[in-house]
Amino acid sequence: MPEQNRPRAPPAPAPLRRPAPPPPVRRNLFQSQLTRRPTPASSSAETLRLDSCVDVLSDSDEIVVRDKQGEVEVEGAPEGIEEDEGVDEREEMEKDRQRLAEAVRHYRMNPGAAGPDQTDVLLYAVKTSLRAKVATLADDNWMFEAEPQQTRH
C-alpha cells in the first residue's frame, strides 16, 4: 500500500496534432451539365419564345438577313403575288354582285319598262349567281362535316 500513498507523476501531455491540410481544390467536371433555375423576370412567354427562335436559328450554318425591326427577311419568296390574285378575284366578284343588285333594283322600280328579253337575261344572271354561290358552299362543305369516328379493336 505504500504505493498508493506515493504522489503520482503528472500525466504526460497529449501529443500535439497539426491541423489537417485544407482539402485540395476540386474542379467541377460536370459544370456544363448544370442548369440554373430561371429568374421570375426571365420566365415570361416573350423570353421563352425568343429563346426557342434563337435555338432554331443557331442550329443552321446559314447567314440570316434581318430588317430594321429584327425580323428575318426571306429573299426567295416574292411578296404579295398571292394576295393580288385574291384581291382581283374578290373585286371582280364584288363588281358582278353590285351589277346584279343594281339590275334587280332597276327591274323592281319599273317592271313594265323591261322587255321580255331583258327579264330573261336578268333571270338567267340571278340563277347563275345563285348557282355559283351554291357551288362555293358545296366546296366548303367539308369544313362543316363531322369526321368519321374511328373505332379501336
C-alpha atoms as a PDB file:
ATOM      1  CA  MET A   1       0.000   0.000   0.000  1.00  0.00           C
ATOM      2  CA  PRO A   2       2.818   2.269   0.175  1.00  0.00           C
ATOM      3  CA  GLU A   3       2.479   2.752  -3.500  1.00  0.00           C
ATOM      4  CA  GLN A   4      -0.910   4.256  -3.025  1.00  0.00           C
ATOM      5  CA  ASN A   5       0.396   6.989  -0.761  1.00  0.00           C
ATOM      6  CA  ARG A   6       3.158   7.949  -3.075  1.00  0.00           C
ATOM      7  CA  PRO A   7       2.459  11.027  -5.167  1.00  0.00           C
ATOM      8  CA  ARG A   8       1.846  10.374  -8.753  1.00  0.00           C
ATOM      9  CA  ALA A   9       3.736  11.960 -11.566  1.00  0.00           C
ATOM     10  CA  PRO A  10       1.794  14.356 -13.729  1.00  0.00           C
ATOM     11  CA  PRO A  11       0.353  12.677 -16.765  1.00  0.00           C
ATOM     12  CA  ALA A  12       2.312  13.062 -19.978  1.00  0.00           C
ATOM     13  CA  PRO A  13       0.967  15.791 -22.236  1.00  0.00           C
ATOM     14  CA  ALA A  14      -1.015  14.556 -25.226  1.00  0.00           C
ATOM     15  CA  PRO A  15       0.907  14.751 -28.463  1.00  0.00           C
ATOM     16  CA  LEU A  16       0.120  17.958 -30.355  1.00  0.00           C
ATOM     17  CA  ARG A  17      -1.783  17.397 -33.543  1.00  0.00           C
ATOM     18  CA  ARG A  18      -1.167  19.551 -36.518  1.00  0.00           C
ATOM     19  CA  PRO A  19      -4.252  20.892 -38.190  1.00  0.00           C
ATOM     20  CA  ALA A  20      -5.253  18.882 -41.225  1.00  0.00           C
ATOM     21  CA  PRO A  21      -4.229  20.458 -44.507  1.00  0.00           C
ATOM     22  CA  PRO A  22      -7.128  22.057 -46.418  1.00  0.00           C
ATOM     23  CA  PRO A  23      -8.729  19.721 -48.905  1.00  0.00           C
ATOM     24  CA  PRO A  24      -7.404  20.151 -52.432  1.00  0.00           C
ATOM     25  CA  VAL A  25      -9.458  22.394 -54.703  1.00  0.00           C
ATOM     26  CA  ARG A  26     -11.887  20.260 -56.707  1.00  0.00           C
ATOM     27  CA  ARG A  27     -12.915  21.320 -60.169  1.00  0.00           C
ATOM     28  CA  ASN A  28     -16.480  20.634 -61.205  1.00  0.00           C
ATOM     29  CA  LEU A  29     -16.115  18.235 -64.115  1.00  0.00           C
ATOM     30  CA  PHE A  30     -19.811  18.395 -64.982  1.00  0.00           C
ATOM     31  CA  GLN A  31     -20.257  22.177 -64.981  1.00  0.00           C
ATOM     32  CA  SER A  32     -21.693  22.224 -68.494  1.00  0.00           C
ATOM     33  CA  GLN A  33     -24.488  19.879 -67.426  1.00  0.00           C
ATOM     34  CA  LEU A  34     -25.653  22.009 -64.521  1.00  0.00           C
ATOM     35  CA  THR A  35     -28.698  24.157 -65.126  1.00  0.00           C
ATOM     36  CA  ARG A  36     -29.747  27.291 -63.335  1.00  0.00           C
ATOM     37  CA  ARG A  37     -33.292  27.965 -62.327  1.00  0.00           C
ATOM     38  CA  PRO A  38     -34.620  30.915 -64.378  1.00  0.00           C
ATOM     39  CA  THR A  39     -35.369  34.120 -62.560  1.00  0.00           C
ATOM     40  CA  PRO A  40     -39.038  35.205 -62.398  1.00  0.00           C
ATOM     41  CA  ALA A  41     -38.419  38.104 -64.790  1.00  0.00           C
ATOM     42  CA  SER A  42     -36.953  35.853 -67.497  1.00  0.00           C
ATOM     43  CA  SER A  43     -39.706  33.253 -67.413  1.00  0.00           C
ATOM     44  CA  SER A  44     -42.160  35.362 -69.392  1.00  0.00           C
ATOM     45  CA  ALA A  45     -43.675  33.986 -72.586  1.00  0.00           C
ATOM     46  CA  GLU A  46     -41.817  36.571 -74.681  1.00  0.00           C
ATOM     47  CA  THR A  47     -38.453  35.396 -73.389  1.00  0.00           C
ATOM     48  CA  LEU A  48     -39.336  31.759 -73.928  1.00  0.00           C
ATOM     49  CA  ARG A  49     -40.455  32.494 -77.487  1.00  0.00           C
ATOM     50  CA  LEU A  50     -37.221  34.324 -78.272  1.00  0.00           C
ATOM     51  CA  ASP A  51     -35.118  31.551 -76.749  1.00  0.00           C
ATOM     52  CA  SER A  52     -36.806  28.942 -78.933  1.00  0.00           C
ATOM     53  CA  CYS A  53     -36.223  31.074 -82.047  1.00  0.00           C
ATOM     54  CA  VAL A  54     -32.560  31.501 -81.218  1.00  0.00           C
ATOM     55  CA  ASP A  55     -32.116  27.752 -80.757  1.00  0.00           C
ATOM     56  CA  VAL A  56     -33.656  27.018 -84.145  1.00  0.00           C
ATOM     57  CA  LEU A  57     -31.584  29.638 -85.936  1.00  0.00           C
ATOM     58  CA  SER A  58     -28.315  28.712 -84.217  1.00  0.00           C
ATOM     59  CA  ASP A  59     -28.560  25.132 -85.500  1.00  0.00           C
ATOM     60  CA  SER A  60     -28.056  26.163 -89.118  1.00  0.00           C
ATOM     61  CA  ASP A  61     -24.851  27.493 -90.598  1.00  0.00           C
ATOM     62  CA  GLU A  62     -26.599  29.916 -92.945  1.00  0.00           C
ATOM     63  CA  ILE A  63     -26.388  33.676 -92.731  1.00  0.00           C
ATOM     64  CA  VAL A  64     -29.710  35.243 -91.855  1.00  0.00           C
ATOM     65  CA  VAL A  65     -30.601  38.693 -93.189  1.00  0.00           C
ATOM     66  CA  ARG A  66     -32.743  40.812 -90.857  1.00  0.00           C
ATOM     67  CA  ASP A  67     -34.589  44.075 -91.424  1.00  0.00           C
ATOM     68  CA  LYS A  68     -34.575  47.144 -89.155  1.00  0.00           C
ATOM     69  CA  GLN A  69     -37.153  45.595 -86.788  1.00  0.00           C
ATOM     70  CA  GLY A  70     -35.080  42.415 -86.430  1.00  0.00           C
ATOM     71  CA  GLU A  71     -37.428  40.251 -88.497  1.00  0.00           C
ATOM     72  CA  VAL A  72     -35.903  37.620 -90.765  1.00  0.00           C
ATOM     73  CA  GLU A  73     -36.063  38.584 -94.439  1.00  0.00           C
ATOM     74  CA  VAL A  74     -36.800  35.802 -96.906  1.00  0.00           C
ATOM     75  CA  GLU A  75     -35.363  36.710-100.290  1.00  0.00           C
ATOM     76  CA  GLY A  76     -36.681  33.781-102.337  1.00  0.00           C
ATOM     77  CA  ALA A  77     -40.399  34.442-101.883  1.00  0.00           C
ATOM     78  CA  PRO A  78     -41.923  37.301-103.868  1.00  0.00           C
ATOM     79  CA  GLU A  79     -44.214  39.369-101.714  1.00  0.00           C
ATOM     80  CA  GLY A  80     -47.870  39.947-102.400  1.00  0.00           C
ATOM     81  CA  ILE A  81     -48.376  37.817-105.522  1.00  0.00           C
ATOM     82  CA  GLU A  82     -50.961  35.518-103.941  1.00  0.00           C
ATOM     83  CA  GLU A  83     -52.656  38.475-102.286  1.00  0.00           C
ATOM     84  CA  ASP A  84     -53.007  40.356-105.585  1.00  0.00           C
ATOM     85  CA  GLU A  85     -54.687  37.395-107.281  1.00  0.00           C
ATOM     86  CA  GLY A  86     -57.133  37.002-104.408  1.00  0.00           C
ATOM     87  CA  VAL A  87     -57.860  40.733-104.292  1.00  0.00           C
ATOM     88  CA  ASP A  88     -58.515  40.899-108.053  1.00  0.00           C
ATOM     89  CA  GLU A  89     -60.881  37.943-107.893  1.00  0.00           C
ATOM     90  CA  ARG A  90     -62.720  39.382-104.891  1.00  0.00           C
ATOM     91  CA  GLU A  91     -63.026  42.798-106.560  1.00  0.00           C
ATOM     92  CA  GLU A  92     -64.411  41.202-109.719  1.00  0.00           C
ATOM     93  CA  MET A  93     -66.951  39.174-107.742  1.00  0.00           C
ATOM     94  CA  GLU A  94     -67.979  42.290-105.820  1.00  0.00           C
ATOM     95  CA  LYS A  95     -68.479  44.255-109.063  1.00  0.00           C
ATOM     96  CA  ASP A  96     -70.593  41.437-110.539  1.00  0.00           C
ATOM     97  CA  ARG A  97     -72.691  41.309-107.383  1.00  0.00           C
ATOM     98  CA  GLN A  98     -73.229  45.073-107.461  1.00  0.00           C
ATOM     99  CA  ARG A  99     -74.214  44.988-111.153  1.00  0.00           C
ATOM    100  CA  LEU A 100     -76.701  42.209-110.476  1.00  0.00           C
ATOM    101  CA  ALA A 101     -78.137  44.023-107.439  1.00  0.00           C
ATOM    102  CA  GLU A 102     -78.487  47.218-109.487  1.00  0.00           C
ATOM    103  CA  ALA A 103     -80.257  45.358-112.315  1.00  0.00           C
ATOM    104  CA  VAL A 104     -82.704  43.733-109.870  1.00  0.00           C
ATOM    105  CA  ARG A 105     -83.347  47.106-108.173  1.00  0.00           C
ATOM    106  CA  HIS A 106     -83.991  48.731-111.553  1.00  0.00           C
ATOM    107  CA  TYR A 107     -86.402  45.922-112.514  1.00  0.00           C
ATOM    108  CA  ARG A 108     -88.326  46.290-109.230  1.00  0.00           C
ATOM    109  CA  MET A 109     -88.759  50.046-109.742  1.00  0.00           C
ATOM    110  CA  ASN A 110     -90.001  49.741-113.318  1.00  0.00           C
ATOM    111  CA  PRO A 111     -91.184  46.206-114.012  1.00  0.00           C
ATOM    112  CA  GLY A 112     -93.081  47.203-117.182  1.00  0.00           C
ATOM    113  CA  ALA A 113     -90.135  49.123-118.669  1.00  0.00           C
ATOM    114  CA  ALA A 114     -88.069  45.976-119.105  1.00  0.00           C
ATOM    115  CA  GLY A 115     -88.918  43.889-122.103  1.00  0.00           C
ATOM    116  CA  PRO A 116     -89.275  40.122-122.057  1.00  0.00           C
ATOM    117  CA  ASP A 117     -85.733  39.701-123.326  1.00  0.00           C
ATOM    118  CA  GLN A 118     -84.314  41.806-120.509  1.00  0.00           C
ATOM    119  CA  THR A 119     -86.377  39.879-117.977  1.00  0.00           C
ATOM    120  CA  ASP A 120     -84.985  36.581-119.247  1.00  0.00           C
ATOM    121  CA  VAL A 121     -81.426  37.946-119.141  1.00  0.00           C
ATOM    122  CA  LEU A 122     -81.928  39.192-115.595  1.00  0.00           C
ATOM    123  CA  LEU A 123     -83.433  35.881-114.501  1.00  0.00           C
ATOM    124  CA  TYR A 124     -80.531  33.995-116.080  1.00  0.00           C
ATOM    125  CA  ALA A 125     -77.983  36.269-114.327  1.00  0.00           C
ATOM    126  CA  VAL A 126     -79.659  35.746-110.937  1.00  0.00           C
ATOM    127  CA  LYS A 127     -79.766  31.954-111.431  1.00  0.00           C
ATOM    128  CA  THR A 128     -76.104  31.887-112.493  1.00  0.00           C
ATOM    129  CA  SER A 129     -75.114  33.905-109.449  1.00  0.00           C
ATOM    130  CA  LEU A 130     -77.060  31.621-107.118  1.00  0.00           C
ATOM    131  CA  ARG A 131     -75.549  28.503-108.727  1.00  0.00           C
ATOM    132  CA  ALA A 132     -72.052  29.916-108.213  1.00  0.00           C
ATOM    133  CA  LYS A 133     -72.834  30.582-104.546  1.00  0.00           C
ATOM    134  CA  VAL A 134     -74.179  27.035-104.090  1.00  0.00           C
ATOM    135  CA  ALA A 135     -71.055  25.594-105.753  1.00  0.00           C
ATOM    136  CA  THR A 136     -68.827  27.618-103.426  1.00  0.00           C
ATOM    137  CA  LEU A 137     -70.764  26.393-100.399  1.00  0.00           C
ATOM    138  CA  ALA A 138     -70.570  22.802-101.656  1.00  0.00           C
ATOM    139  CA  ASP A 139     -66.785  23.147-101.999  1.00  0.00           C
ATOM    140  CA  ASP A 140     -66.564  24.442 -98.429  1.00  0.00           C
ATOM    141  CA  ASN A 141     -68.949  21.809 -97.052  1.00  0.00           C
ATOM    142  CA  TRP A 142     -66.059  19.558 -95.940  1.00  0.00           C
ATOM    143  CA  MET A 143     -65.263  22.084 -93.192  1.00  0.00           C
ATOM    144  CA  PHE A 144     -68.627  21.526 -91.552  1.00  0.00           C
ATOM    145  CA  GLU A 145     -68.883  17.756 -91.865  1.00  0.00           C
ATOM    146  CA  ALA A 146     -68.112  15.644 -88.810  1.00  0.00           C
ATOM    147  CA  GLU A 147     -65.064  13.439 -89.083  1.00  0.00           C
ATOM    148  CA  PRO A 148     -65.840   9.719 -89.065  1.00  0.00           C
ATOM    149  CA  GLN A 149     -65.293   8.076 -85.699  1.00  0.00           C
ATOM    150  CA  GLN A 150     -62.504   5.537 -85.740  1.00  0.00           C
ATOM    151  CA  THR A 151     -63.123   2.506 -83.559  1.00  0.00           C
ATOM    152  CA  ARG A 152     -60.284   0.689 -81.897  1.00  0.00           C
ATOM    153  CA  HIS A 153     -60.369  -3.052 -81.669  1.00  0.00           C
END
